């Protein structure tokens, strides 16, 4: 029978795995599914996924890699005082991809509206997170904002059947609190912020269920 310390060690290990695996998969699912909806052939889809992957996956990795090299990341959580530069890079990157998807139809004829709105929503999400982090000195859970916002985009664009993915938010919340990376308040506010920002962004552009 496992001792209490062994049980804690096992649960901590599971929490770390969950934290690692939920850094960005929901964003990847969103832009790949949206590309599949938009495109008519494999080449078009590959181009859109390359653009999205660059801005949603590769660019955010650079500040994470830098902070990791400086041992500024613990339990897949960035200290509040180190988040400013991360948010600035993300804001610049998501603004860039928003512009790309805004002008993309003019050159290709593909309607990238759902990706454009998603990118704008992510830009706003990081602006709000930057204000909360630096202005209110509060560390919102980025795992939760990323997951909740992405799942909300799927629900709005594709349908309510994708709502089951919100169950993953419970796992993420448990993992972040278990590792003492965030408080319950931080993960709850992260989820609410992610959901509301994307919801009102799509609503503002007239795209609603």
N, C-alpha and C. Protein backbone atom coordinates (compact mmCIF):
# COMPACT_ATOMS: atom_id res chain seq x y z
N UNK A 1 0.85 -1.20 0.00
CA UNK A 1 0.00 0.00 0.00
C UNK A 1 0.88 1.25 0.00
N UNK A 2 0.55 2.22 -0.84
CA UNK A 2 1.36 3.42 -0.95
C UNK A 2 1.24 4.28 0.29
N UNK A 3 2.37 4.88 0.69
CA UNK A 3 2.35 5.82 1.81
C UNK A 3 1.77 7.14 1.34
N UNK A 4 1.49 8.03 2.30
CA UNK A 4 0.93 9.34 1.96
C UNK A 4 1.89 10.14 1.09
N UNK A 5 3.20 10.03 1.40
CA UNK A 5 4.19 10.78 0.62
C UNK A 5 4.28 10.24 -0.80
N UNK A 6 4.16 8.91 -0.97
CA UNK A 6 4.19 8.32 -2.30
C UNK A 6 2.97 8.73 -3.11
N UNK A 7 1.81 8.79 -2.44
CA UNK A 7 0.59 9.22 -3.12
C UNK A 7 0.70 10.67 -3.58
N UNK A 8 1.31 11.51 -2.72
CA UNK A 8 1.51 12.92 -3.09
C UNK A 8 2.45 13.02 -4.29
N UNK A 9 3.51 12.19 -4.26
CA UNK A 9 4.47 12.21 -5.35
C UNK A 9 3.82 11.79 -6.66
N UNK A 10 2.98 10.77 -6.61
CA UNK A 10 2.29 10.29 -7.81
C UNK A 10 1.33 11.35 -8.34
N UNK A 11 0.56 11.97 -7.46
CA UNK A 11 -0.40 12.98 -7.89
C UNK A 11 0.32 14.22 -8.42
N UNK A 12 1.46 14.57 -7.83
CA UNK A 12 2.24 15.69 -8.34
C UNK A 12 2.76 15.39 -9.74
N UNK A 13 3.18 14.15 -9.94
CA UNK A 13 3.68 13.75 -11.26
C UNK A 13 2.57 13.83 -12.31
N UNK A 14 1.39 13.37 -11.95
CA UNK A 14 0.25 13.45 -12.86
C UNK A 14 -0.09 14.90 -13.16
N UNK A 15 -0.04 15.75 -12.12
CA UNK A 15 -0.35 17.18 -12.30
C UNK A 15 0.66 17.83 -13.24
N UNK A 16 1.93 17.43 -13.15
CA UNK A 16 2.95 17.99 -14.05
C UNK A 16 2.71 17.55 -15.49
N UNK A 17 2.32 16.29 -15.67
CA UNK A 17 2.04 15.79 -17.02
C UNK A 17 0.87 16.55 -17.63
N UNK A 18 -0.20 16.74 -16.84
CA UNK A 18 -1.36 17.48 -17.31
C UNK A 18 -0.96 18.91 -17.68
N UNK A 19 -0.15 19.53 -16.84
CA UNK A 19 0.28 20.90 -17.09
C UNK A 19 1.10 21.00 -18.37
N UNK A 20 1.98 20.03 -18.58
CA UNK A 20 2.82 20.03 -19.78
C UNK A 20 1.98 19.84 -21.05
N UNK A 21 1.03 18.92 -20.98
CA UNK A 21 0.26 18.56 -22.17
C UNK A 21 -0.83 19.57 -22.51
N UNK A 22 -1.10 20.49 -21.59
CA UNK A 22 -2.20 21.44 -21.84
C UNK A 22 -1.70 22.88 -21.99
N UNK A 23 -0.44 23.04 -22.36
CA UNK A 23 0.09 24.39 -22.58
C UNK A 23 -0.55 25.03 -23.81
N UNK A 24 -0.63 24.26 -24.92
CA UNK A 24 -1.17 24.88 -26.15
C UNK A 24 -1.99 23.96 -27.05
N UNK A 25 -2.36 22.75 -26.65
CA UNK A 25 -3.05 21.86 -27.59
C UNK A 25 -4.41 22.35 -28.04
N UNK A 26 -5.11 23.10 -27.20
CA UNK A 26 -6.44 23.55 -27.57
C UNK A 26 -6.37 24.60 -28.67
N UNK A 27 -5.37 25.47 -28.61
CA UNK A 27 -5.18 26.44 -29.68
C UNK A 27 -4.87 25.72 -31.00
N UNK A 28 -4.07 24.66 -30.92
CA UNK A 28 -3.71 23.90 -32.12
C UNK A 28 -4.95 23.25 -32.72
N UNK A 29 -5.78 22.66 -31.86
CA UNK A 29 -7.02 22.04 -32.33
C UNK A 29 -7.90 23.07 -33.03
N UNK A 30 -7.99 24.28 -32.45
CA UNK A 30 -8.83 25.33 -33.02
C UNK A 30 -8.37 25.70 -34.42
N UNK A 31 -7.10 26.09 -34.56
CA UNK A 31 -6.70 26.59 -35.87
C UNK A 31 -6.64 25.49 -36.92
N UNK A 32 -6.42 24.25 -36.53
CA UNK A 32 -6.43 23.17 -37.51
C UNK A 32 -7.85 22.84 -37.96
N UNK A 33 -8.79 22.82 -37.02
CA UNK A 33 -10.19 22.57 -37.39
C UNK A 33 -10.75 23.72 -38.22
N UNK A 34 -10.40 24.94 -37.85
CA UNK A 34 -10.88 26.10 -38.61
C UNK A 34 -10.30 26.09 -40.03
N UNK A 35 -9.04 25.70 -40.16
CA UNK A 35 -8.43 25.60 -41.49
C UNK A 35 -9.13 24.55 -42.32
N UNK A 36 -9.51 23.45 -41.68
CA UNK A 36 -10.22 22.38 -42.38
C UNK A 36 -11.58 22.87 -42.89
N UNK A 37 -12.23 23.72 -42.10
CA UNK A 37 -13.52 24.28 -42.50
C UNK A 37 -13.36 25.26 -43.67
N UNK A 38 -12.31 26.06 -43.61
CA UNK A 38 -12.12 27.14 -44.58
C UNK A 38 -11.62 26.63 -45.93
N UNK A 39 -10.70 25.69 -45.91
CA UNK A 39 -9.95 25.33 -47.12
C UNK A 39 -10.66 24.30 -48.00
N UNK A 40 -10.23 24.29 -49.26
CA UNK A 40 -10.79 23.37 -50.25
C UNK A 40 -9.82 22.26 -50.65
N UNK A 41 -8.56 22.40 -50.26
CA UNK A 41 -7.59 21.36 -50.59
C UNK A 41 -6.47 21.36 -49.56
N UNK A 42 -5.60 20.35 -49.66
CA UNK A 42 -4.54 20.14 -48.67
C UNK A 42 -3.54 21.28 -48.66
N UNK A 43 -3.18 21.81 -49.82
CA UNK A 43 -2.17 22.88 -49.89
C UNK A 43 -2.66 24.13 -49.17
N UNK A 44 -3.92 24.51 -49.41
CA UNK A 44 -4.49 25.67 -48.73
C UNK A 44 -4.47 25.46 -47.22
N UNK A 45 -4.83 24.26 -46.79
CA UNK A 45 -4.87 23.95 -45.37
C UNK A 45 -3.47 23.98 -44.76
N UNK A 46 -2.50 23.44 -45.49
CA UNK A 46 -1.12 23.42 -44.99
C UNK A 46 -0.59 24.84 -44.82
N UNK A 47 -0.92 25.74 -45.75
CA UNK A 47 -0.47 27.13 -45.66
C UNK A 47 -1.06 27.81 -44.43
N UNK A 48 -2.37 27.64 -44.23
CA UNK A 48 -3.01 28.26 -43.07
C UNK A 48 -2.46 27.70 -41.76
N UNK A 49 -2.26 26.40 -41.71
CA UNK A 49 -1.73 25.79 -40.48
C UNK A 49 -0.30 26.22 -40.22
N UNK A 50 0.47 26.45 -41.27
CA UNK A 50 1.84 26.94 -41.09
C UNK A 50 1.84 28.35 -40.52
N UNK A 51 0.97 29.20 -41.06
CA UNK A 51 0.85 30.57 -40.54
C UNK A 51 0.40 30.55 -39.09
N UNK A 52 -0.66 29.80 -38.80
CA UNK A 52 -1.19 29.74 -37.43
C UNK A 52 -0.17 29.13 -36.48
N UNK A 53 0.49 28.05 -36.91
CA UNK A 53 1.48 27.40 -36.06
C UNK A 53 2.64 28.31 -35.71
N UNK A 54 3.04 29.15 -36.66
CA UNK A 54 4.13 30.10 -36.42
C UNK A 54 3.76 31.09 -35.33
N UNK A 55 2.55 31.64 -35.40
CA UNK A 55 2.16 32.70 -34.47
C UNK A 55 1.56 32.18 -33.16
N UNK A 56 0.90 31.03 -33.21
CA UNK A 56 0.26 30.50 -32.01
C UNK A 56 1.15 29.53 -31.24
N UNK A 57 2.17 28.98 -31.90
CA UNK A 57 2.99 27.97 -31.25
C UNK A 57 4.47 28.36 -31.19
N UNK A 58 5.07 28.67 -32.33
CA UNK A 58 6.51 28.91 -32.36
C UNK A 58 6.91 30.22 -31.68
N UNK A 59 6.26 31.32 -32.03
CA UNK A 59 6.62 32.61 -31.45
C UNK A 59 6.48 32.61 -29.92
N UNK A 60 5.39 32.06 -29.36
CA UNK A 60 5.30 32.01 -27.88
C UNK A 60 6.38 31.15 -27.23
N UNK A 61 6.98 30.23 -28.00
CA UNK A 61 8.01 29.36 -27.41
C UNK A 61 9.30 30.10 -27.12
N UNK A 62 9.59 31.16 -27.86
CA UNK A 62 10.86 31.87 -27.67
C UNK A 62 10.99 32.47 -26.27
N UNK A 63 10.03 33.27 -25.80
CA UNK A 63 10.16 33.78 -24.43
C UNK A 63 10.11 32.68 -23.38
N UNK A 64 9.33 31.62 -23.65
CA UNK A 64 9.27 30.50 -22.70
C UNK A 64 10.62 29.80 -22.63
N UNK A 65 11.26 29.62 -23.78
CA UNK A 65 12.58 28.99 -23.81
C UNK A 65 13.59 29.86 -23.06
N UNK A 66 13.53 31.17 -23.28
CA UNK A 66 14.47 32.09 -22.63
C UNK A 66 14.29 32.06 -21.11
N UNK A 67 13.05 32.15 -20.65
CA UNK A 67 12.80 32.14 -19.22
C UNK A 67 13.15 30.79 -18.60
N UNK A 68 12.92 29.72 -19.37
CA UNK A 68 13.29 28.39 -18.88
C UNK A 68 14.79 28.25 -18.71
N UNK A 69 15.54 28.80 -19.64
CA UNK A 69 17.01 28.76 -19.56
C UNK A 69 17.52 29.51 -18.34
N UNK A 70 16.79 30.53 -17.93
CA UNK A 70 17.18 31.34 -16.77
C UNK A 70 16.54 30.83 -15.47
N UNK A 71 15.95 29.63 -15.56
CA UNK A 71 15.31 29.01 -14.39
C UNK A 71 14.24 29.90 -13.77
N UNK A 72 13.48 30.57 -14.64
CA UNK A 72 12.42 31.47 -14.17
C UNK A 72 11.04 30.82 -14.28
N UNK A 73 11.02 29.53 -14.66
CA UNK A 73 9.76 28.80 -14.78
C UNK A 73 9.78 27.62 -13.83
N UNK A 74 8.73 27.50 -13.03
CA UNK A 74 8.61 26.39 -12.09
C UNK A 74 7.22 25.80 -12.21
N UNK A 75 7.19 24.46 -12.37
CA UNK A 75 5.91 23.76 -12.54
C UNK A 75 5.10 24.35 -13.69
N UNK A 76 5.82 24.69 -14.76
CA UNK A 76 5.21 25.24 -15.98
C UNK A 76 4.43 26.52 -15.69
N UNK A 77 4.93 27.29 -14.75
CA UNK A 77 4.31 28.57 -14.40
C UNK A 77 5.38 29.65 -14.40
N UNK A 78 5.05 30.79 -15.01
CA UNK A 78 5.97 31.92 -15.09
C UNK A 78 5.66 32.89 -13.96
N UNK A 79 6.69 33.35 -13.30
CA UNK A 79 6.49 34.31 -12.21
C UNK A 79 5.81 35.57 -12.72
N UNK A 80 5.01 36.18 -11.86
CA UNK A 80 4.23 37.34 -12.28
C UNK A 80 5.12 38.45 -12.83
N UNK A 81 6.26 38.68 -12.20
CA UNK A 81 7.12 39.78 -12.62
C UNK A 81 7.80 39.52 -13.97
N UNK A 82 7.79 38.26 -14.43
CA UNK A 82 8.41 37.92 -15.72
C UNK A 82 7.39 37.86 -16.85
N UNK A 83 6.14 38.09 -16.54
CA UNK A 83 5.10 37.88 -17.55
C UNK A 83 4.93 39.06 -18.51
N UNK A 84 5.40 40.22 -18.13
CA UNK A 84 5.22 41.39 -18.96
C UNK A 84 5.80 41.22 -20.35
N UNK A 85 7.05 40.75 -20.44
CA UNK A 85 7.70 40.58 -21.73
C UNK A 85 7.00 39.50 -22.55
N UNK A 86 6.52 38.44 -21.87
CA UNK A 86 5.79 37.38 -22.57
C UNK A 86 4.52 37.94 -23.21
N UNK A 87 3.76 38.71 -22.45
CA UNK A 87 2.52 39.27 -22.97
C UNK A 87 2.78 40.23 -24.13
N UNK A 88 3.83 41.03 -24.02
CA UNK A 88 4.15 41.97 -25.09
C UNK A 88 4.47 41.25 -26.40
N UNK A 89 5.27 40.18 -26.30
CA UNK A 89 5.61 39.40 -27.49
C UNK A 89 4.36 38.75 -28.07
N UNK A 90 3.50 38.20 -27.20
CA UNK A 90 2.27 37.57 -27.67
C UNK A 90 1.34 38.58 -28.33
N UNK A 91 1.24 39.76 -27.74
CA UNK A 91 0.38 40.80 -28.30
C UNK A 91 0.86 41.20 -29.69
N UNK A 92 2.17 41.38 -29.84
CA UNK A 92 2.73 41.74 -31.15
C UNK A 92 2.47 40.62 -32.16
N UNK A 93 2.72 39.38 -31.72
CA UNK A 93 2.52 38.24 -32.62
C UNK A 93 1.08 38.06 -33.04
N UNK A 94 0.15 38.13 -32.09
CA UNK A 94 -1.26 37.93 -32.42
C UNK A 94 -1.84 39.10 -33.20
N UNK A 95 -1.30 40.30 -32.97
CA UNK A 95 -1.71 41.44 -33.81
C UNK A 95 -1.27 41.19 -35.25
N UNK A 96 -0.06 40.67 -35.41
CA UNK A 96 0.46 40.37 -36.74
C UNK A 96 -0.38 39.35 -37.48
N UNK A 97 -0.74 38.26 -36.80
CA UNK A 97 -1.52 37.22 -37.47
C UNK A 97 -2.96 37.69 -37.70
N UNK A 98 -3.45 38.59 -36.85
CA UNK A 98 -4.78 39.18 -37.08
C UNK A 98 -4.79 39.95 -38.39
N UNK A 99 -3.73 40.73 -38.61
CA UNK A 99 -3.62 41.50 -39.86
C UNK A 99 -3.52 40.57 -41.06
N UNK A 100 -2.73 39.51 -40.91
CA UNK A 100 -2.57 38.55 -42.01
C UNK A 100 -3.93 37.95 -42.40
N UNK A 101 -4.68 37.51 -41.39
CA UNK A 101 -5.96 36.87 -41.69
C UNK A 101 -7.03 37.87 -42.12
N UNK A 102 -6.81 39.14 -41.83
CA UNK A 102 -7.74 40.17 -42.31
C UNK A 102 -7.56 40.41 -43.81
N UNK A 103 -6.31 40.45 -44.25
CA UNK A 103 -6.03 40.72 -45.68
C UNK A 103 -5.97 39.45 -46.51
N UNK A 104 -5.88 38.29 -45.88
CA UNK A 104 -5.71 37.02 -46.59
C UNK A 104 -6.77 36.79 -47.67
N UNK A 105 -8.06 37.06 -47.40
CA UNK A 105 -9.08 36.83 -48.44
C UNK A 105 -8.86 37.66 -49.70
N UNK A 106 -8.25 38.82 -49.57
CA UNK A 106 -8.04 39.68 -50.74
C UNK A 106 -7.07 39.07 -51.74
N UNK A 107 -6.18 38.21 -51.24
CA UNK A 107 -5.16 37.61 -52.11
C UNK A 107 -5.48 36.17 -52.50
N UNK A 108 -6.29 35.50 -51.70
CA UNK A 108 -6.54 34.08 -51.95
C UNK A 108 -8.00 33.75 -52.23
N UNK A 109 -8.89 34.63 -51.83
CA UNK A 109 -10.32 34.34 -51.99
C UNK A 109 -10.90 33.49 -50.89
N UNK A 110 -10.06 33.03 -49.97
CA UNK A 110 -10.54 32.22 -48.84
C UNK A 110 -11.05 33.13 -47.73
N UNK A 111 -12.18 32.78 -47.17
CA UNK A 111 -12.75 33.56 -46.07
C UNK A 111 -12.15 33.09 -44.75
N UNK A 112 -11.16 33.83 -44.25
CA UNK A 112 -10.48 33.47 -43.01
C UNK A 112 -11.06 34.23 -41.80
N UNK A 113 -12.33 34.60 -41.91
CA UNK A 113 -12.96 35.39 -40.87
C UNK A 113 -12.93 34.76 -39.50
N UNK A 114 -13.20 33.45 -39.42
CA UNK A 114 -13.23 32.80 -38.10
C UNK A 114 -11.85 32.77 -37.46
N UNK A 115 -10.81 32.64 -38.28
CA UNK A 115 -9.44 32.69 -37.76
C UNK A 115 -9.05 34.11 -37.38
N UNK A 116 -9.49 35.07 -38.18
CA UNK A 116 -9.23 36.48 -37.87
C UNK A 116 -9.83 36.86 -36.51
N UNK A 117 -11.08 36.49 -36.28
CA UNK A 117 -11.73 36.83 -35.02
C UNK A 117 -11.03 36.13 -33.85
N UNK A 118 -10.63 34.87 -34.05
CA UNK A 118 -9.92 34.13 -33.01
C UNK A 118 -8.61 34.82 -32.65
N UNK A 119 -7.88 35.28 -33.67
CA UNK A 119 -6.60 35.96 -33.43
C UNK A 119 -6.82 37.30 -32.72
N UNK A 120 -7.86 38.04 -33.13
CA UNK A 120 -8.19 39.30 -32.46
C UNK A 120 -8.55 39.03 -31.00
N UNK A 121 -9.35 38.00 -30.77
CA UNK A 121 -9.71 37.64 -29.41
C UNK A 121 -8.51 37.31 -28.55
N UNK A 122 -7.56 36.59 -29.14
CA UNK A 122 -6.34 36.24 -28.40
C UNK A 122 -5.49 37.47 -28.12
N UNK A 123 -5.48 38.40 -29.06
CA UNK A 123 -4.76 39.66 -28.83
C UNK A 123 -5.37 40.40 -27.65
N UNK A 124 -6.69 40.53 -27.65
CA UNK A 124 -7.38 41.22 -26.55
C UNK A 124 -7.16 40.48 -25.23
N UNK A 125 -7.19 39.16 -25.29
CA UNK A 125 -6.99 38.36 -24.08
C UNK A 125 -5.64 38.65 -23.44
N UNK A 126 -4.61 38.78 -24.27
CA UNK A 126 -3.27 39.06 -23.74
C UNK A 126 -3.12 40.51 -23.28
N UNK A 127 -3.82 41.43 -23.94
CA UNK A 127 -3.82 42.82 -23.48
C UNK A 127 -4.44 42.90 -22.09
N UNK A 128 -5.59 42.25 -21.93
CA UNK A 128 -6.27 42.26 -20.63
C UNK A 128 -5.41 41.57 -19.57
N UNK A 129 -4.80 40.46 -19.93
CA UNK A 129 -3.93 39.74 -18.99
C UNK A 129 -2.73 40.58 -18.57
N UNK A 130 -2.18 41.34 -19.52
CA UNK A 130 -1.06 42.23 -19.21
C UNK A 130 -1.49 43.31 -18.22
N UNK A 131 -2.67 43.88 -18.45
CA UNK A 131 -3.18 44.92 -17.54
C UNK A 131 -3.41 44.35 -16.14
N UNK A 132 -4.00 43.17 -16.08
CA UNK A 132 -4.27 42.53 -14.79
C UNK A 132 -2.97 42.19 -14.08
N UNK A 133 -2.01 41.69 -14.85
CA UNK A 133 -0.73 41.26 -14.25
C UNK A 133 0.08 42.44 -13.74
N UNK A 134 0.26 43.47 -14.57
CA UNK A 134 1.09 44.60 -14.18
C UNK A 134 0.34 45.66 -13.39
N UNK A 135 -0.94 45.84 -13.71
CA UNK A 135 -1.72 46.87 -13.04
C UNK A 135 -2.27 46.42 -11.70
N UNK A 136 -2.90 45.24 -11.70
CA UNK A 136 -3.52 44.73 -10.48
C UNK A 136 -2.62 43.79 -9.70
N UNK A 137 -1.44 43.47 -10.27
CA UNK A 137 -0.48 42.57 -9.62
C UNK A 137 -1.10 41.21 -9.31
N UNK A 138 -1.82 40.68 -10.30
CA UNK A 138 -2.53 39.42 -10.12
C UNK A 138 -2.09 38.44 -11.20
N UNK A 139 -1.79 37.20 -10.81
CA UNK A 139 -1.25 36.21 -11.74
C UNK A 139 -2.35 35.26 -12.22
N UNK A 140 -2.96 35.62 -13.35
CA UNK A 140 -4.00 34.78 -13.94
C UNK A 140 -3.37 33.51 -14.52
N UNK A 141 -4.08 32.39 -14.45
CA UNK A 141 -3.58 31.13 -15.01
C UNK A 141 -3.64 31.16 -16.53
N UNK A 142 -2.48 31.12 -17.17
CA UNK A 142 -2.42 31.13 -18.63
C UNK A 142 -2.89 29.81 -19.21
N UNK A 143 -2.69 28.71 -18.47
CA UNK A 143 -3.23 27.42 -18.91
C UNK A 143 -4.75 27.52 -19.06
N UNK A 144 -5.39 28.15 -18.10
CA UNK A 144 -6.84 28.24 -18.11
C UNK A 144 -7.36 29.22 -19.15
N UNK A 145 -6.70 30.36 -19.28
CA UNK A 145 -7.16 31.32 -20.30
C UNK A 145 -7.03 30.71 -21.69
N UNK A 146 -5.91 30.00 -21.93
CA UNK A 146 -5.70 29.40 -23.24
C UNK A 146 -6.71 28.31 -23.55
N UNK A 147 -6.95 27.42 -22.58
CA UNK A 147 -7.89 26.32 -22.81
C UNK A 147 -9.32 26.83 -22.93
N UNK A 148 -9.75 27.65 -21.98
CA UNK A 148 -11.14 28.12 -21.95
C UNK A 148 -11.48 28.96 -23.18
N UNK A 149 -10.55 29.82 -23.59
CA UNK A 149 -10.83 30.67 -24.76
C UNK A 149 -10.91 29.84 -26.03
N UNK A 150 -10.02 28.88 -26.19
CA UNK A 150 -10.00 28.05 -27.39
C UNK A 150 -11.25 27.18 -27.48
N UNK A 151 -11.63 26.59 -26.37
CA UNK A 151 -12.83 25.75 -26.36
C UNK A 151 -14.06 26.58 -26.67
N UNK A 152 -14.11 27.79 -26.14
CA UNK A 152 -15.24 28.69 -26.41
C UNK A 152 -15.34 29.01 -27.89
N UNK A 153 -14.19 29.23 -28.55
CA UNK A 153 -14.20 29.49 -29.99
C UNK A 153 -14.75 28.29 -30.76
N UNK A 154 -14.38 27.09 -30.34
CA UNK A 154 -14.89 25.88 -31.00
C UNK A 154 -16.40 25.77 -30.82
N UNK A 155 -16.88 26.04 -29.62
CA UNK A 155 -18.32 25.94 -29.34
C UNK A 155 -19.10 26.95 -30.19
N UNK A 156 -18.59 28.17 -30.27
CA UNK A 156 -19.28 29.22 -31.03
C UNK A 156 -19.31 28.91 -32.52
N UNK A 157 -18.17 28.49 -33.07
CA UNK A 157 -18.05 28.31 -34.51
C UNK A 157 -18.61 26.96 -34.98
N UNK A 158 -18.31 25.89 -34.24
CA UNK A 158 -18.66 24.56 -34.72
C UNK A 158 -19.94 24.02 -34.06
N UNK A 159 -20.13 24.31 -32.77
CA UNK A 159 -21.37 23.85 -32.15
C UNK A 159 -21.18 23.41 -30.70
N UNK A 160 -22.32 23.27 -30.03
CA UNK A 160 -22.33 22.95 -28.60
C UNK A 160 -21.74 21.57 -28.27
N UNK A 161 -21.70 20.68 -29.25
CA UNK A 161 -21.16 19.34 -28.99
C UNK A 161 -19.72 19.39 -28.50
N UNK A 162 -19.01 20.46 -28.88
CA UNK A 162 -17.62 20.60 -28.44
C UNK A 162 -17.52 21.09 -27.00
N UNK A 163 -18.66 21.35 -26.38
CA UNK A 163 -18.65 21.81 -25.00
C UNK A 163 -18.09 20.81 -24.02
N UNK A 164 -18.05 19.52 -24.41
CA UNK A 164 -17.49 18.51 -23.51
C UNK A 164 -16.03 18.80 -23.17
N UNK A 165 -15.36 19.55 -24.04
CA UNK A 165 -13.95 19.86 -23.80
C UNK A 165 -13.75 20.72 -22.55
N UNK A 166 -14.80 21.40 -22.12
CA UNK A 166 -14.69 22.19 -20.89
C UNK A 166 -14.34 21.30 -19.69
N UNK A 167 -14.62 20.01 -19.79
CA UNK A 167 -14.26 19.09 -18.70
C UNK A 167 -12.75 19.08 -18.47
N UNK A 168 -11.99 19.32 -19.55
CA UNK A 168 -10.54 19.37 -19.40
C UNK A 168 -10.11 20.55 -18.51
N UNK A 169 -10.93 21.59 -18.48
CA UNK A 169 -10.61 22.74 -17.63
C UNK A 169 -10.58 22.34 -16.16
N UNK A 170 -11.42 21.37 -15.80
CA UNK A 170 -11.42 20.89 -14.41
C UNK A 170 -10.10 20.19 -14.08
N UNK A 171 -9.61 19.39 -15.03
CA UNK A 171 -8.33 18.72 -14.84
C UNK A 171 -7.19 19.73 -14.75
N UNK A 172 -7.23 20.72 -15.63
CA UNK A 172 -6.19 21.75 -15.62
C UNK A 172 -6.22 22.52 -14.31
N UNK A 173 -7.40 22.88 -13.86
CA UNK A 173 -7.53 23.61 -12.59
C UNK A 173 -6.95 22.80 -11.45
N UNK A 174 -7.30 21.51 -11.42
CA UNK A 174 -6.78 20.65 -10.35
C UNK A 174 -5.25 20.60 -10.40
N UNK A 175 -4.69 20.43 -11.61
CA UNK A 175 -3.24 20.31 -11.75
C UNK A 175 -2.52 21.58 -11.32
N UNK A 176 -3.04 22.74 -11.73
CA UNK A 176 -2.38 24.00 -11.40
C UNK A 176 -2.42 24.29 -9.90
N UNK A 177 -3.54 23.98 -9.28
CA UNK A 177 -3.64 24.19 -7.83
C UNK A 177 -2.81 23.15 -7.09
N UNK A 178 -2.81 21.92 -7.56
CA UNK A 178 -2.06 20.84 -6.93
C UNK A 178 -0.57 21.16 -6.88
N UNK A 179 -0.07 21.76 -7.94
CA UNK A 179 1.36 22.09 -8.01
C UNK A 179 1.69 23.42 -7.34
N UNK A 180 0.68 24.06 -6.76
CA UNK A 180 0.84 25.38 -6.12
C UNK A 180 1.33 26.43 -7.12
N UNK A 181 1.03 26.19 -8.42
CA UNK A 181 1.37 27.16 -9.45
C UNK A 181 0.37 28.31 -9.44
N UNK A 182 -0.87 28.00 -9.01
CA UNK A 182 -1.92 29.00 -8.94
C UNK A 182 -2.86 28.69 -7.78
N UNK A 183 -3.58 29.71 -7.36
CA UNK A 183 -4.63 29.53 -6.37
C UNK A 183 -5.94 29.19 -7.11
N UNK A 184 -6.94 28.76 -6.36
CA UNK A 184 -8.25 28.49 -6.97
C UNK A 184 -8.80 29.75 -7.63
N UNK A 185 -8.59 30.88 -6.99
CA UNK A 185 -9.09 32.14 -7.54
C UNK A 185 -8.43 32.44 -8.87
N UNK A 186 -7.15 32.18 -8.99
CA UNK A 186 -6.42 32.47 -10.23
C UNK A 186 -6.88 31.60 -11.39
N UNK A 187 -7.18 30.32 -11.12
CA UNK A 187 -7.63 29.46 -12.22
C UNK A 187 -9.08 29.77 -12.60
N UNK A 188 -9.90 30.12 -11.62
CA UNK A 188 -11.29 30.47 -11.92
C UNK A 188 -11.36 31.75 -12.74
N UNK A 189 -10.61 32.76 -12.32
CA UNK A 189 -10.59 34.02 -13.07
C UNK A 189 -10.00 33.80 -14.46
N UNK A 190 -8.99 32.94 -14.57
CA UNK A 190 -8.42 32.63 -15.88
C UNK A 190 -9.45 32.02 -16.82
N UNK A 191 -10.26 31.10 -16.30
CA UNK A 191 -11.31 30.47 -17.11
C UNK A 191 -12.36 31.48 -17.53
N UNK A 192 -12.82 32.28 -16.59
CA UNK A 192 -13.85 33.29 -16.89
C UNK A 192 -13.33 34.30 -17.90
N UNK A 193 -12.09 34.74 -17.72
CA UNK A 193 -11.49 35.71 -18.63
C UNK A 193 -11.38 35.15 -20.05
N UNK A 194 -10.94 33.90 -20.16
CA UNK A 194 -10.81 33.28 -21.47
C UNK A 194 -12.15 33.13 -22.18
N UNK A 195 -13.15 32.67 -21.45
CA UNK A 195 -14.48 32.46 -22.03
C UNK A 195 -15.10 33.79 -22.45
N UNK A 196 -15.09 34.76 -21.56
CA UNK A 196 -15.79 36.02 -21.82
C UNK A 196 -15.11 36.83 -22.94
N UNK A 197 -13.77 36.81 -22.98
CA UNK A 197 -13.06 37.59 -24.00
C UNK A 197 -13.38 37.07 -25.39
N UNK A 198 -13.29 35.74 -25.58
CA UNK A 198 -13.57 35.18 -26.90
C UNK A 198 -15.05 35.30 -27.24
N UNK A 199 -15.92 35.08 -26.27
CA UNK A 199 -17.37 35.19 -26.50
C UNK A 199 -17.72 36.58 -27.02
N UNK A 200 -17.26 37.61 -26.35
CA UNK A 200 -17.62 38.97 -26.74
C UNK A 200 -16.89 39.42 -28.01
N UNK A 201 -15.73 38.82 -28.29
CA UNK A 201 -15.04 39.15 -29.54
C UNK A 201 -15.83 38.63 -30.73
N UNK A 202 -16.23 37.35 -30.67
CA UNK A 202 -17.03 36.81 -31.77
C UNK A 202 -18.37 37.53 -31.86
N UNK A 203 -18.97 37.82 -30.72
CA UNK A 203 -20.25 38.54 -30.72
C UNK A 203 -20.09 39.93 -31.34
N UNK A 204 -18.98 40.60 -31.01
CA UNK A 204 -18.73 41.94 -31.53
C UNK A 204 -18.58 41.96 -33.04
N UNK A 205 -18.06 40.87 -33.61
CA UNK A 205 -17.92 40.79 -35.06
C UNK A 205 -19.15 40.15 -35.73
N UNK A 206 -20.19 39.96 -34.94
CA UNK A 206 -21.44 39.44 -35.50
C UNK A 206 -21.46 37.97 -35.77
N UNK A 207 -20.50 37.23 -35.19
CA UNK A 207 -20.45 35.77 -35.38
C UNK A 207 -20.86 35.12 -34.07
N UNK A 208 -22.08 34.56 -34.05
CA UNK A 208 -22.58 34.01 -32.80
C UNK A 208 -23.41 32.77 -33.07
N UNK A 209 -22.87 31.62 -32.73
CA UNK A 209 -23.54 30.32 -32.85
C UNK A 209 -24.30 30.21 -34.18
